[in-house]
Amino acid sequence: MNIIGEKITLRAIELDDNELLKNIMNDANTEHELGGWSFPISSLIQEEWIKSQSKTQGNSILRSIICDNDNLNAMGTLILSDIDYKNGNAEVHIKLVSDARGKGYGSSALRTIVDYAFSELRLNCLYAHINVYNQKSQILFQNVGFVKEGTLRNRIFKAGKFHDVLVFSILNE
């Protein structure tokens, strides 16, 4: 089942998404703006990762590709991770290719997953961790209704130093 929003469709990851995912993972600007870290990813490693997801995904993570509704071009990923059905919360992660940013696709994707998580998965809270210097992501999440809850001090190491990570959340109210 695809999850359809105003501007975007969220669909399952396919082997054909190998190049898109590899390019996102290997983009230095994207890696700097987001949490975590990565080594350079080859097509082979990316393909093996895609194939492994059917065995490890389970019900605690929802990984999807963001596609433009007009032409179904893939432009990024949207993930709900650490889905906790008992307590009703999950973490949101979004990555868009650089030429899709600033065009409303990110906010449409976030609104779509918030609606789906609250109305179909019966979750109560979605949260995101955003690097303190990633102003564009902070604005994106705030525009969708997420509220800054707090600061995780010196939580991520990027470009030779530690940085704070901000916690944003939205409740099903």
N, C-alpha and C. Protein backbone atom coordinates (compact mmCIF):
# COMPACT_ATOMS: atom_id res chain seq x y z
N MET A 1 0.83 -1.18 0.00
CA MET A 1 0.00 0.00 0.00
C MET A 1 0.88 1.24 0.00
N ASN A 2 0.60 2.16 -0.89
CA ASN A 2 1.27 3.45 -0.89
C ASN A 2 0.52 4.41 0.02
N ILE A 3 1.24 5.38 0.57
CA ILE A 3 0.65 6.40 1.42
C ILE A 3 0.68 7.69 0.60
N ILE A 4 -0.50 8.21 0.28
CA ILE A 4 -0.58 9.33 -0.67
C ILE A 4 -0.90 10.61 0.08
N GLY A 5 -0.08 11.63 -0.20
CA GLY A 5 -0.27 12.95 0.38
C GLY A 5 -0.64 13.95 -0.69
N GLU A 6 -0.63 15.22 -0.31
CA GLU A 6 -1.04 16.29 -1.22
C GLU A 6 -0.11 16.42 -2.42
N LYS A 7 1.20 16.43 -2.19
CA LYS A 7 2.18 16.59 -3.27
C LYS A 7 3.00 15.34 -3.52
N ILE A 8 3.00 14.42 -2.56
CA ILE A 8 3.92 13.28 -2.62
C ILE A 8 3.20 11.96 -2.36
N THR A 9 3.87 10.89 -2.75
CA THR A 9 3.46 9.54 -2.41
C THR A 9 4.63 8.87 -1.70
N LEU A 10 4.33 8.19 -0.60
CA LEU A 10 5.33 7.39 0.10
C LEU A 10 5.12 5.94 -0.31
N ARG A 11 6.18 5.33 -0.82
CA ARG A 11 6.08 3.93 -1.26
C ARG A 11 7.25 3.14 -0.71
N ALA A 12 7.17 1.83 -0.85
CA ALA A 12 8.23 0.95 -0.37
C ALA A 12 9.53 1.18 -1.16
N ILE A 13 10.64 0.85 -0.53
CA ILE A 13 11.95 0.91 -1.20
C ILE A 13 12.07 -0.29 -2.12
N GLU A 14 12.51 -0.03 -3.35
CA GLU A 14 12.71 -1.07 -4.36
C GLU A 14 14.18 -1.12 -4.75
N LEU A 15 14.60 -2.22 -5.37
CA LEU A 15 15.99 -2.32 -5.86
C LEU A 15 16.32 -1.20 -6.84
N ASP A 16 15.32 -0.73 -7.60
CA ASP A 16 15.54 0.36 -8.54
C ASP A 16 15.94 1.66 -7.85
N ASP A 17 15.76 1.75 -6.55
CA ASP A 17 16.11 2.96 -5.79
C ASP A 17 17.58 2.97 -5.38
N ASN A 18 18.31 1.96 -5.78
CA ASN A 18 19.71 1.80 -5.39
C ASN A 18 20.53 3.08 -5.64
N GLU A 19 20.44 3.61 -6.85
CA GLU A 19 21.25 4.79 -7.21
C GLU A 19 20.85 6.02 -6.39
N LEU A 20 19.55 6.24 -6.23
CA LEU A 20 19.06 7.37 -5.43
C LEU A 20 19.59 7.28 -4.00
N LEU A 21 19.44 6.12 -3.38
CA LEU A 21 19.88 5.96 -1.99
C LEU A 21 21.39 6.11 -1.86
N LYS A 22 22.11 5.54 -2.81
CA LYS A 22 23.58 5.67 -2.78
C LYS A 22 23.99 7.14 -2.89
N ASN A 23 23.35 7.88 -3.77
CA ASN A 23 23.68 9.29 -3.96
C ASN A 23 23.36 10.11 -2.71
N ILE A 24 22.24 9.83 -2.07
CA ILE A 24 21.91 10.54 -0.83
C ILE A 24 22.95 10.23 0.25
N MET A 25 23.30 8.97 0.40
CA MET A 25 24.26 8.58 1.43
C MET A 25 25.65 9.15 1.17
N ASN A 26 26.01 9.31 -0.09
CA ASN A 26 27.35 9.80 -0.43
C ASN A 26 27.44 11.31 -0.55
N ASP A 27 26.33 12.02 -0.39
CA ASP A 27 26.33 13.48 -0.49
C ASP A 27 26.89 14.07 0.81
N ALA A 28 28.02 14.74 0.72
CA ALA A 28 28.70 15.26 1.90
C ALA A 28 27.85 16.30 2.64
N ASN A 29 27.13 17.14 1.91
CA ASN A 29 26.30 18.16 2.56
C ASN A 29 25.17 17.52 3.36
N THR A 30 24.53 16.51 2.78
CA THR A 30 23.45 15.81 3.48
C THR A 30 24.01 15.13 4.73
N GLU A 31 25.13 14.47 4.62
CA GLU A 31 25.72 13.78 5.76
C GLU A 31 26.05 14.77 6.87
N HIS A 32 26.54 15.95 6.52
CA HIS A 32 26.90 16.95 7.53
C HIS A 32 25.66 17.48 8.25
N GLU A 33 24.58 17.69 7.52
CA GLU A 33 23.38 18.28 8.10
C GLU A 33 22.61 17.33 9.01
N LEU A 34 22.76 16.03 8.78
CA LEU A 34 21.95 15.05 9.51
C LEU A 34 22.79 14.33 10.56
N GLY A 35 22.09 13.61 11.42
CA GLY A 35 22.75 12.85 12.47
C GLY A 35 23.47 11.65 11.91
N GLY A 36 24.21 11.00 12.76
CA GLY A 36 24.91 9.79 12.37
C GLY A 36 26.13 10.08 11.52
N TRP A 37 26.60 9.04 10.88
CA TRP A 37 27.78 9.15 10.03
C TRP A 37 27.72 8.02 9.03
N SER A 38 28.53 8.14 8.00
CA SER A 38 28.58 7.05 7.03
C SER A 38 29.92 7.05 6.33
N PHE A 39 30.28 5.89 5.86
CA PHE A 39 31.43 5.73 4.99
C PHE A 39 30.93 5.84 3.56
N PRO A 40 31.83 6.02 2.60
CA PRO A 40 31.39 5.99 1.20
C PRO A 40 30.67 4.68 0.91
N ILE A 41 29.56 4.78 0.19
CA ILE A 41 28.72 3.63 -0.12
C ILE A 41 28.83 3.30 -1.60
N SER A 42 29.07 2.03 -1.91
CA SER A 42 29.12 1.58 -3.30
C SER A 42 27.74 1.09 -3.72
N SER A 43 27.55 0.91 -5.01
CA SER A 43 26.28 0.36 -5.52
C SER A 43 26.04 -1.03 -4.94
N LEU A 44 27.08 -1.83 -4.84
CA LEU A 44 26.95 -3.18 -4.31
C LEU A 44 26.50 -3.16 -2.85
N ILE A 45 27.14 -2.34 -2.03
CA ILE A 45 26.77 -2.25 -0.62
C ILE A 45 25.34 -1.75 -0.48
N GLN A 46 24.96 -0.76 -1.29
CA GLN A 46 23.61 -0.23 -1.20
C GLN A 46 22.59 -1.28 -1.61
N GLU A 47 22.88 -2.05 -2.65
CA GLU A 47 21.96 -3.10 -3.08
C GLU A 47 21.82 -4.18 -2.01
N GLU A 48 22.92 -4.56 -1.38
CA GLU A 48 22.86 -5.55 -0.30
C GLU A 48 22.02 -5.03 0.86
N TRP A 49 22.16 -3.73 1.17
CA TRP A 49 21.37 -3.14 2.25
C TRP A 49 19.88 -3.22 1.91
N ILE A 50 19.50 -2.85 0.69
CA ILE A 50 18.09 -2.90 0.29
C ILE A 50 17.56 -4.33 0.43
N LYS A 51 18.31 -5.30 -0.04
CA LYS A 51 17.87 -6.70 0.04
C LYS A 51 17.74 -7.17 1.47
N SER A 52 18.57 -6.66 2.36
CA SER A 52 18.53 -7.10 3.76
C SER A 52 17.33 -6.54 4.51
N GLN A 53 16.72 -5.49 4.02
CA GLN A 53 15.63 -4.84 4.75
C GLN A 53 14.41 -5.73 4.92
N SER A 54 14.12 -6.56 3.96
CA SER A 54 12.95 -7.42 4.09
C SER A 54 13.11 -8.42 5.23
N LYS A 55 14.34 -8.72 5.60
CA LYS A 55 14.59 -9.69 6.68
C LYS A 55 14.66 -9.03 8.05
N THR A 56 14.99 -7.73 8.08
CA THR A 56 15.24 -7.09 9.37
C THR A 56 14.24 -6.01 9.73
N GLN A 57 13.40 -5.58 8.82
CA GLN A 57 12.55 -4.42 9.05
C GLN A 57 11.57 -4.62 10.20
N GLY A 58 10.82 -5.71 10.20
CA GLY A 58 9.86 -5.93 11.27
C GLY A 58 8.81 -4.85 11.32
N ASN A 59 8.18 -4.69 12.50
CA ASN A 59 7.13 -3.69 12.67
C ASN A 59 7.61 -2.44 13.40
N SER A 60 8.91 -2.35 13.70
CA SER A 60 9.39 -1.21 14.47
C SER A 60 10.00 -0.12 13.60
N ILE A 61 9.98 -0.32 12.29
CA ILE A 61 10.52 0.69 11.38
C ILE A 61 9.75 0.68 10.07
N LEU A 62 9.44 1.87 9.58
CA LEU A 62 8.77 2.03 8.31
C LEU A 62 9.68 2.88 7.43
N ARG A 63 10.25 2.26 6.41
CA ARG A 63 11.13 2.98 5.48
C ARG A 63 10.38 3.20 4.19
N SER A 64 10.42 4.43 3.67
CA SER A 64 9.71 4.71 2.43
C SER A 64 10.50 5.66 1.55
N ILE A 65 10.17 5.61 0.27
CA ILE A 65 10.71 6.52 -0.73
C ILE A 65 9.67 7.62 -0.96
N ILE A 66 10.12 8.86 -1.01
CA ILE A 66 9.25 9.99 -1.31
C ILE A 66 9.24 10.19 -2.82
N CYS A 67 8.05 10.18 -3.41
CA CYS A 67 7.90 10.40 -4.86
C CYS A 67 6.98 11.58 -5.11
N ASP A 68 7.27 12.34 -6.14
CA ASP A 68 6.43 13.44 -6.60
C ASP A 68 5.14 12.84 -7.18
N ASN A 69 3.99 13.34 -6.77
CA ASN A 69 2.72 12.82 -7.28
C ASN A 69 2.54 13.04 -8.78
N ASP A 70 3.13 14.08 -9.32
CA ASP A 70 2.92 14.39 -10.74
C ASP A 70 3.57 13.37 -11.67
N ASN A 71 4.80 12.97 -11.35
CA ASN A 71 5.52 12.07 -12.27
C ASN A 71 6.11 10.84 -11.57
N LEU A 72 5.85 10.70 -10.27
CA LEU A 72 6.34 9.60 -9.44
C LEU A 72 7.87 9.47 -9.42
N ASN A 73 8.57 10.57 -9.70
CA ASN A 73 10.03 10.58 -9.57
C ASN A 73 10.40 10.47 -8.10
N ALA A 74 11.32 9.57 -7.79
CA ALA A 74 11.81 9.41 -6.43
C ALA A 74 12.73 10.57 -6.09
N MET A 75 12.56 11.13 -4.87
CA MET A 75 13.34 12.31 -4.50
C MET A 75 13.91 12.26 -3.09
N GLY A 76 13.67 11.17 -2.37
CA GLY A 76 14.21 11.10 -1.03
C GLY A 76 13.62 9.96 -0.23
N THR A 77 13.90 10.00 1.07
CA THR A 77 13.42 8.96 1.97
C THR A 77 12.71 9.58 3.16
N LEU A 78 11.74 8.86 3.67
CA LEU A 78 11.08 9.22 4.90
C LEU A 78 10.96 7.94 5.73
N ILE A 79 11.43 8.03 6.95
CA ILE A 79 11.49 6.83 7.81
C ILE A 79 10.85 7.13 9.16
N LEU A 80 10.06 6.20 9.64
CA LEU A 80 9.64 6.17 11.04
C LEU A 80 10.45 5.05 11.68
N SER A 81 11.23 5.37 12.69
CA SER A 81 12.04 4.34 13.35
C SER A 81 11.66 4.24 14.81
N ASP A 82 12.11 3.18 15.43
CA ASP A 82 11.84 2.94 16.85
C ASP A 82 10.35 3.10 17.17
N ILE A 83 9.51 2.55 16.29
CA ILE A 83 8.07 2.63 16.52
C ILE A 83 7.74 1.84 17.78
N ASP A 84 7.16 2.51 18.73
CA ASP A 84 6.79 1.93 20.01
C ASP A 84 5.26 1.95 20.10
N TYR A 85 4.63 0.83 19.76
CA TYR A 85 3.18 0.78 19.71
C TYR A 85 2.55 0.84 21.10
N LYS A 86 3.24 0.32 22.09
CA LYS A 86 2.69 0.36 23.46
C LYS A 86 2.58 1.80 23.96
N ASN A 87 3.65 2.59 23.79
CA ASN A 87 3.67 3.96 24.29
C ASN A 87 3.27 4.98 23.23
N GLY A 88 3.11 4.53 22.00
CA GLY A 88 2.57 5.39 20.95
C GLY A 88 3.51 6.45 20.41
N ASN A 89 4.80 6.12 20.22
CA ASN A 89 5.70 7.12 19.66
C ASN A 89 6.68 6.50 18.67
N ALA A 90 7.28 7.38 17.86
CA ALA A 90 8.27 6.96 16.86
C ALA A 90 9.10 8.17 16.47
N GLU A 91 10.30 7.89 15.97
CA GLU A 91 11.18 8.96 15.49
C GLU A 91 11.03 9.11 13.98
N VAL A 92 11.04 10.35 13.51
CA VAL A 92 10.91 10.67 12.08
C VAL A 92 12.26 11.09 11.53
N HIS A 93 12.59 10.57 10.33
CA HIS A 93 13.81 10.94 9.61
C HIS A 93 13.42 11.26 8.18
N ILE A 94 13.95 12.34 7.63
CA ILE A 94 13.65 12.68 6.25
C ILE A 94 14.94 13.13 5.56
N LYS A 95 15.11 12.67 4.32
CA LYS A 95 16.24 13.08 3.49
C LYS A 95 15.71 13.32 2.09
N LEU A 96 16.01 14.50 1.55
CA LEU A 96 15.64 14.84 0.17
C LEU A 96 16.89 15.10 -0.64
N VAL A 97 16.85 14.73 -1.92
CA VAL A 97 17.94 15.11 -2.80
C VAL A 97 17.96 16.64 -2.89
N SER A 98 19.12 17.21 -3.14
CA SER A 98 19.27 18.66 -3.05
C SER A 98 18.33 19.43 -3.98
N ASP A 99 18.08 18.93 -5.19
CA ASP A 99 17.23 19.71 -6.11
C ASP A 99 15.74 19.60 -5.79
N ALA A 100 15.35 18.81 -4.80
CA ALA A 100 13.95 18.72 -4.39
C ALA A 100 13.66 19.58 -3.16
N ARG A 101 14.69 20.14 -2.55
CA ARG A 101 14.52 20.92 -1.33
C ARG A 101 13.94 22.30 -1.63
N GLY A 102 13.16 22.82 -0.69
CA GLY A 102 12.61 24.16 -0.81
C GLY A 102 11.43 24.26 -1.76
N LYS A 103 10.83 23.13 -2.12
CA LYS A 103 9.72 23.13 -3.08
C LYS A 103 8.43 22.59 -2.48
N GLY A 104 8.42 22.38 -1.17
CA GLY A 104 7.22 21.90 -0.50
C GLY A 104 7.09 20.40 -0.38
N TYR A 105 8.03 19.66 -0.96
CA TYR A 105 7.95 18.20 -0.89
C TYR A 105 8.21 17.69 0.53
N GLY A 106 9.17 18.30 1.21
CA GLY A 106 9.48 17.87 2.57
C GLY A 106 8.32 18.08 3.51
N SER A 107 7.69 19.26 3.46
CA SER A 107 6.55 19.51 4.35
C SER A 107 5.37 18.61 3.99
N SER A 108 5.15 18.36 2.70
CA SER A 108 4.07 17.45 2.30
C SER A 108 4.35 16.04 2.82
N ALA A 109 5.59 15.60 2.72
CA ALA A 109 5.95 14.26 3.20
C ALA A 109 5.77 14.16 4.71
N LEU A 110 6.20 15.18 5.45
CA LEU A 110 6.04 15.16 6.91
C LEU A 110 4.56 15.17 7.31
N ARG A 111 3.78 16.03 6.66
CA ARG A 111 2.34 16.07 6.98
C ARG A 111 1.69 14.72 6.68
N THR A 112 2.11 14.09 5.59
CA THR A 112 1.54 12.80 5.20
C THR A 112 1.86 11.74 6.23
N ILE A 113 3.11 11.68 6.69
CA ILE A 113 3.48 10.64 7.65
C ILE A 113 2.88 10.93 9.03
N VAL A 114 2.76 12.20 9.40
CA VAL A 114 2.12 12.54 10.68
C VAL A 114 0.67 12.07 10.65
N ASP A 115 -0.05 12.37 9.59
CA ASP A 115 -1.44 11.95 9.47
C ASP A 115 -1.55 10.43 9.50
N TYR A 116 -0.70 9.76 8.76
CA TYR A 116 -0.73 8.29 8.72
C TYR A 116 -0.41 7.69 10.09
N ALA A 117 0.62 8.21 10.75
CA ALA A 117 1.03 7.68 12.05
C ALA A 117 -0.07 7.85 13.10
N PHE A 118 -0.75 8.99 13.07
CA PHE A 118 -1.78 9.25 14.06
C PHE A 118 -3.09 8.54 13.72
N SER A 119 -3.48 8.53 12.46
CA SER A 119 -4.80 7.98 12.11
C SER A 119 -4.78 6.49 11.81
N GLU A 120 -3.65 5.94 11.36
CA GLU A 120 -3.61 4.53 11.00
C GLU A 120 -2.79 3.67 11.97
N LEU A 121 -1.70 4.21 12.48
CA LEU A 121 -0.85 3.44 13.39
C LEU A 121 -1.22 3.67 14.86
N ARG A 122 -2.12 4.60 15.12
CA ARG A 122 -2.57 4.96 16.47
C ARG A 122 -1.43 5.44 17.36
N LEU A 123 -0.45 6.11 16.76
CA LEU A 123 0.63 6.70 17.55
C LEU A 123 0.14 8.01 18.15
N ASN A 124 0.83 8.46 19.19
CA ASN A 124 0.45 9.69 19.87
C ASN A 124 1.51 10.78 19.74
N CYS A 125 2.76 10.40 19.51
CA CYS A 125 3.85 11.37 19.47
C CYS A 125 4.88 10.95 18.43
N LEU A 126 5.25 11.90 17.57
CA LEU A 126 6.38 11.71 16.66
C LEU A 126 7.44 12.71 17.07
N TYR A 127 8.69 12.29 17.01
CA TYR A 127 9.78 13.18 17.40
C TYR A 127 10.92 13.09 16.39
N ALA A 128 11.75 14.13 16.40
CA ALA A 128 12.91 14.20 15.50
C ALA A 128 14.08 14.81 16.24
N HIS A 129 15.27 14.34 15.91
CA HIS A 129 16.52 14.91 16.41
C HIS A 129 17.14 15.71 15.27
N ILE A 130 17.40 16.99 15.51
CA ILE A 130 17.90 17.88 14.46
C ILE A 130 19.16 18.59 14.96
N ASN A 131 20.21 18.53 14.17
CA ASN A 131 21.46 19.21 14.54
C ASN A 131 21.18 20.70 14.73
N VAL A 132 21.80 21.28 15.75
CA VAL A 132 21.52 22.66 16.13
C VAL A 132 21.80 23.64 14.98
N TYR A 133 22.74 23.33 14.12
CA TYR A 133 23.07 24.23 13.02
C TYR A 133 22.23 23.98 11.76
N ASN A 134 21.35 23.00 11.78
CA ASN A 134 20.53 22.68 10.62
C ASN A 134 19.22 23.50 10.69
N GLN A 135 19.34 24.79 10.37
CA GLN A 135 18.21 25.72 10.45
C GLN A 135 17.07 25.33 9.51
N LYS A 136 17.38 24.85 8.32
CA LYS A 136 16.34 24.51 7.36
C LYS A 136 15.45 23.37 7.86
N SER A 137 16.05 22.36 8.48
CA SER A 137 15.25 21.27 9.03
C SER A 137 14.41 21.74 10.21
N GLN A 138 14.97 22.61 11.03
CA GLN A 138 14.20 23.14 12.16
C GLN A 138 12.96 23.88 11.66
N ILE A 139 13.13 24.70 10.65
CA ILE A 139 12.00 25.45 10.08
C ILE A 139 10.99 24.49 9.46
N LEU A 140 11.47 23.49 8.72
CA LEU A 140 10.59 22.51 8.10
C LEU A 140 9.70 21.84 9.15
N PHE A 141 10.30 21.33 10.21
CA PHE A 141 9.53 20.63 11.23
C PHE A 141 8.58 21.57 11.97
N GLN A 142 9.03 22.79 12.27
CA GLN A 142 8.17 23.75 12.95
C GLN A 142 6.97 24.13 12.07
N ASN A 143 7.19 24.27 10.77
CA ASN A 143 6.10 24.62 9.85
C ASN A 143 5.03 23.53 9.78
N VAL A 144 5.41 22.30 10.09
CA VAL A 144 4.45 21.20 10.08
C VAL A 144 3.77 21.04 11.44
N GLY A 145 4.24 21.76 12.46
CA GLY A 145 3.61 21.72 13.77
C GLY A 145 4.43 21.09 14.87
N PHE A 146 5.65 20.68 14.57
CA PHE A 146 6.53 20.14 15.59
C PHE A 146 6.99 21.29 16.49
N VAL A 147 7.18 20.97 17.77
CA VAL A 147 7.58 21.94 18.78
C VAL A 147 8.94 21.53 19.34
N LYS A 148 9.81 22.52 19.55
CA LYS A 148 11.11 22.23 20.16
C LYS A 148 10.90 21.87 21.62
N GLU A 149 11.37 20.68 22.00
CA GLU A 149 11.22 20.21 23.38
C GLU A 149 12.45 20.44 24.22
N GLY A 150 13.62 20.36 23.59
CA GLY A 150 14.82 20.51 24.39
C GLY A 150 16.08 20.33 23.58
N THR A 151 17.20 20.32 24.30
CA THR A 151 18.52 20.24 23.69
C THR A 151 19.29 19.08 24.30
N LEU A 152 19.86 18.28 23.44
CA LEU A 152 20.80 17.24 23.86
C LEU A 152 22.19 17.82 23.64
N ARG A 153 22.88 18.09 24.73
CA ARG A 153 24.14 18.83 24.66
C ARG A 153 25.28 17.97 24.12
N ASN A 154 26.06 18.57 23.21
CA ASN A 154 27.27 17.93 22.65
C ASN A 154 27.01 16.48 22.24
N ARG A 155 25.93 16.25 21.53
CA ARG A 155 25.49 14.89 21.23
C ARG A 155 26.00 14.34 19.91
N ILE A 156 26.49 15.20 19.04
CA ILE A 156 26.93 14.71 17.73
C ILE A 156 28.28 15.34 17.38
N PHE A 157 29.13 14.54 16.76
CA PHE A 157 30.47 14.98 16.38
C PHE A 157 30.53 15.15 14.87
N LYS A 158 30.68 16.38 14.42
CA LYS A 158 30.75 16.70 12.99
C LYS A 158 31.82 17.76 12.78
N ALA A 159 32.56 17.63 11.70
CA ALA A 159 33.56 18.62 11.29
C ALA A 159 34.53 18.96 12.44
N GLY A 160 34.93 17.94 13.17
CA GLY A 160 35.98 18.11 14.17
C GLY A 160 35.54 18.62 15.52
N LYS A 161 34.22 18.76 15.75
CA LYS A 161 33.79 19.21 17.07
C LYS A 161 32.40 18.68 17.40
N PHE A 162 32.07 18.75 18.69
CA PHE A 162 30.77 18.30 19.16
C PHE A 162 29.74 19.41 18.99
N HIS A 163 28.51 19.01 18.68
CA HIS A 163 27.41 19.95 18.50
C HIS A 163 26.19 19.45 19.27
N ASP A 164 25.34 20.40 19.64
CA ASP A 164 24.09 20.05 20.28
C ASP A 164 23.11 19.50 19.24
N VAL A 165 22.17 18.71 19.73
CA VAL A 165 21.07 18.19 18.91
C VAL A 165 19.77 18.64 19.56
N LEU A 166 18.89 19.20 18.76
CA LEU A 166 17.60 19.66 19.25
C LEU A 166 16.56 18.56 19.08
N VAL A 167 15.65 18.46 20.04
CA VAL A 167 14.56 17.48 19.97
C VAL A 167 13.28 18.23 19.67
N PHE A 168 12.60 17.81 18.61
CA PHE A 168 11.30 18.36 18.22
C PHE A 168 10.27 17.24 18.28
N SER A 169 9.03 17.59 18.62
CA SER A 169 7.97 16.58 18.61
C SER A 169 6.64 17.19 18.24
N ILE A 170 5.74 16.30 17.85
CA ILE A 170 4.36 16.69 17.58
C ILE A 170 3.48 15.63 18.24
N LEU A 171 2.40 16.10 18.88
CA LEU A 171 1.48 15.20 19.55
C LEU A 171 0.17 15.11 18.77
N ASN A 172 -0.51 14.01 18.93
CA ASN A 172 -1.81 13.80 18.29
C ASN A 172 -2.88 14.46 19.15
N GLU A 173 -3.00 15.77 19.03
CA GLU A 173 -3.97 16.53 19.82
C GLU A 173 -4.96 17.21 18.91
